[in-house]
Amino acid sequence: MNTIICDAIKNKKIIKFIYNDCPRVVEPYCYGESRTGKLVLRGFQLYGNSESGVETGWKLFSLENINKLELHGNNFVKIRLDYKPEDKGMRKIICHI
């Protein structure tokens, strides 16, 4: 899964996956280790359900809750202006845009 995520980030490929039993479509931006030591993905959710009720926007996904990860088939061209490469939710960054 690590390779798929880093390749998607590098090539700006939209990904889709099931997260906590909810389908998600996400622009992946940053992958690394959280402050608690878990592998996490920071991405901008384009579509999908959310337990928080907020369906779009910046989210931090724990890899242990991601299932059926695959490329969506589309690219995103522009980097979102509010993206922060020095992600405060991560103590170690493995790959990022």
C-alpha atoms as a PDB file:
ATOM      1  CA  MET A   1       0.000   0.000   0.000  1.00  0.00           C
ATOM      2  CA  ASN A   2       2.925   2.355   0.741  1.00  0.00           C
ATOM      3  CA  THR A   3       4.139   2.197  -2.864  1.00  0.00           C
ATOM      4  CA  ILE A   4       0.677   2.897  -4.287  1.00  0.00           C
ATOM      5  CA  ILE A   5       0.244   5.924  -2.035  1.00  0.00           C
ATOM      6  CA  CYS A   6       3.686   7.419  -2.731  1.00  0.00           C
ATOM      7  CA  ASP A   7       3.302   6.820  -6.494  1.00  0.00           C
ATOM      8  CA  ALA A   8      -0.139   8.475  -6.406  1.00  0.00           C
ATOM      9  CA  ILE A   9       1.291  11.469  -4.526  1.00  0.00           C
ATOM     10  CA  LYS A  10       4.272  11.789  -6.868  1.00  0.00           C
ATOM     11  CA  ASN A  11       2.082  11.586  -9.992  1.00  0.00           C
ATOM     12  CA  LYS A  12      -0.858  13.564  -8.532  1.00  0.00           C
ATOM     13  CA  LYS A  13      -3.259  10.660  -9.043  1.00  0.00           C
ATOM     14  CA  ILE A  14      -6.624  10.691  -7.323  1.00  0.00           C
ATOM     15  CA  ILE A  15      -7.205   7.581  -5.230  1.00  0.00           C
ATOM     16  CA  LYS A  16     -10.283   5.851  -3.905  1.00  0.00           C
ATOM     17  CA  PHE A  17     -10.694   3.557  -0.948  1.00  0.00           C
ATOM     18  CA  ILE A  18     -13.025   2.398   1.780  1.00  0.00           C
ATOM     19  CA  TYR A  19     -12.388   4.072   5.137  1.00  0.00           C
ATOM     20  CA  ASN A  20     -14.295   2.898   8.209  1.00  0.00           C
ATOM     21  CA  ASP A  21     -16.822   1.271   5.863  1.00  0.00           C
ATOM     22  CA  CYS A  22     -17.352   4.549   3.939  1.00  0.00           C
ATOM     23  CA  PRO A  23     -16.221   5.049   0.307  1.00  0.00           C
ATOM     24  CA  ARG A  24     -13.828   7.976  -0.236  1.00  0.00           C
ATOM     25  CA  VAL A  25     -12.278   9.721  -3.258  1.00  0.00           C
ATOM     26  CA  VAL A  26      -9.168  11.671  -2.269  1.00  0.00           C
ATOM     27  CA  GLU A  27      -6.349  13.814  -3.639  1.00  0.00           C
ATOM     28  CA  PRO A  28      -3.326  12.430  -1.710  1.00  0.00           C
ATOM     29  CA  TYR A  29      -0.791  15.024  -0.538  1.00  0.00           C
ATOM     30  CA  CYS A  30       1.309  13.661   2.301  1.00  0.00           C
ATOM     31  CA  TYR A  31       2.065  10.221   3.729  1.00  0.00           C
ATOM     32  CA  GLY A  32       3.941   9.568   6.931  1.00  0.00           C
ATOM     33  CA  GLU A  33       3.959   8.642  10.571  1.00  0.00           C
ATOM     34  CA  SER A  34       1.634  10.388  13.004  1.00  0.00           C
ATOM     35  CA  ARG A  35       2.729  11.746  16.357  1.00  0.00           C
ATOM     36  CA  THR A  36       1.386   8.511  17.889  1.00  0.00           C
ATOM     37  CA  GLY A  37       3.433   6.319  15.514  1.00  0.00           C
ATOM     38  CA  LYS A  38       0.656   5.253  13.135  1.00  0.00           C
ATOM     39  CA  LEU A  39       0.973   5.436   9.357  1.00  0.00           C
ATOM     40  CA  VAL A  40      -1.325   8.181   8.050  1.00  0.00           C
ATOM     41  CA  LEU A  41      -2.314   9.880   4.827  1.00  0.00           C
ATOM     42  CA  ARG A  42      -3.172  13.571   4.565  1.00  0.00           C
ATOM     43  CA  GLY A  43      -5.480  14.215   1.658  1.00  0.00           C
ATOM     44  CA  PHE A  44      -8.231  16.396   0.338  1.00  0.00           C
ATOM     45  CA  GLN A  45     -11.456  14.391   0.193  1.00  0.00           C
ATOM     46  CA  LEU A  46     -13.414  15.150  -2.960  1.00  0.00           C
ATOM     47  CA  TYR A  47     -16.321  12.743  -2.518  1.00  0.00           C
ATOM     48  CA  GLY A  48     -17.590  10.245  -0.050  1.00  0.00           C
ATOM     49  CA  ASN A  49     -19.160   9.783   3.292  1.00  0.00           C
ATOM     50  CA  SER A  50     -17.618  10.767   6.569  1.00  0.00           C
ATOM     51  CA  GLU A  51     -18.311   9.906  10.179  1.00  0.00           C
ATOM     52  CA  SER A  52     -17.826  13.590  11.023  1.00  0.00           C
ATOM     53  CA  GLY A  53     -20.562  14.593   8.581  1.00  0.00           C
ATOM     54  CA  VAL A  54     -18.146  16.797   6.604  1.00  0.00           C
ATOM     55  CA  GLU A  55     -17.918  15.111   3.210  1.00  0.00           C
ATOM     56  CA  THR A  56     -15.223  17.248   1.544  1.00  0.00           C
ATOM     57  CA  GLY A  57     -12.047  18.898   2.750  1.00  0.00           C
ATOM     58  CA  TRP A  58      -8.715  18.109   4.375  1.00  0.00           C
ATOM     59  CA  LYS A  59      -8.609  14.855   6.300  1.00  0.00           C
ATOM     60  CA  LEU A  60      -6.030  12.704   8.037  1.00  0.00           C
ATOM     61  CA  PHE A  61      -6.595   9.007   7.323  1.00  0.00           C
ATOM     62  CA  SER A  62      -5.062   6.222   9.405  1.00  0.00           C
ATOM     63  CA  LEU A  63      -3.755   3.474   7.111  1.00  0.00           C
ATOM     64  CA  GLU A  64      -5.044   0.774   9.416  1.00  0.00           C
ATOM     65  CA  ASN A  65      -8.604   1.850   8.497  1.00  0.00           C
ATOM     66  CA  ILE A  66      -8.052   2.038   4.703  1.00  0.00           C
ATOM     67  CA  ASN A  67      -9.303  -0.869   2.600  1.00  0.00           C
ATOM     68  CA  LYS A  68      -9.577  -1.529  -1.136  1.00  0.00           C
ATOM     69  CA  LEU A  69      -7.160   1.262  -2.080  1.00  0.00           C
ATOM     70  CA  GLU A  70      -6.879   1.866  -5.827  1.00  0.00           C
ATOM     71  CA  LEU A  71      -6.176   4.605  -8.326  1.00  0.00           C
ATOM     72  CA  HIS A  72      -9.258   6.512  -9.396  1.00  0.00           C
ATOM     73  CA  GLY A  73      -7.924   7.087 -12.904  1.00  0.00           C
ATOM     74  CA  ASN A  74      -7.855  10.871 -12.847  1.00  0.00           C
ATOM     75  CA  ASN A  75      -5.134  13.346 -11.973  1.00  0.00           C
ATOM     76  CA  PHE A  76      -5.355  16.599 -10.076  1.00  0.00           C
ATOM     77  CA  VAL A  77      -3.393  19.385 -11.703  1.00  0.00           C
ATOM     78  CA  LYS A  78      -3.306  22.245  -9.223  1.00  0.00           C
ATOM     79  CA  ILE A  79      -1.899  22.037  -5.717  1.00  0.00           C
ATOM     80  CA  ARG A  80      -4.476  23.381  -3.274  1.00  0.00           C
ATOM     81  CA  LEU A  81      -3.400  26.777  -1.954  1.00  0.00           C
ATOM     82  CA  ASP A  82      -4.141  25.819   1.646  1.00  0.00           C
ATOM     83  CA  TYR A  83      -1.869  22.738   1.557  1.00  0.00           C
ATOM     84  CA  LYS A  84       0.844  22.862   4.234  1.00  0.00           C
ATOM     85  CA  PRO A  85       3.857  20.656   3.322  1.00  0.00           C
ATOM     86  CA  GLU A  86       5.162  20.739   6.909  1.00  0.00           C
ATOM     87  CA  ASP A  87       2.246  18.689   8.240  1.00  0.00           C
ATOM     88  CA  LYS A  88       1.897  19.242  11.998  1.00  0.00           C
ATOM     89  CA  GLY A  89      -0.019  15.956  12.342  1.00  0.00           C
ATOM     90  CA  MET A  90       3.078  13.963  11.372  1.00  0.00           C
ATOM     91  CA  ARG A  91       6.376  13.415  13.126  1.00  0.00           C
ATOM     92  CA  LYS A  92       7.938  11.770  10.064  1.00  0.00           C
ATOM     93  CA  ILE A  93       7.034  12.375   6.417  1.00  0.00           C
ATOM     94  CA  ILE A  94       7.672   9.481   4.021  1.00  0.00           C
ATOM     95  CA  CYS A  95       6.522  11.204   0.824  1.00  0.00           C
ATOM     96  CA  HIS A  96       4.648  14.381  -0.072  1.00  0.00           C
ATOM     97  CA  ILE A  97       3.882  16.668  -2.963  1.00  0.00           C
END
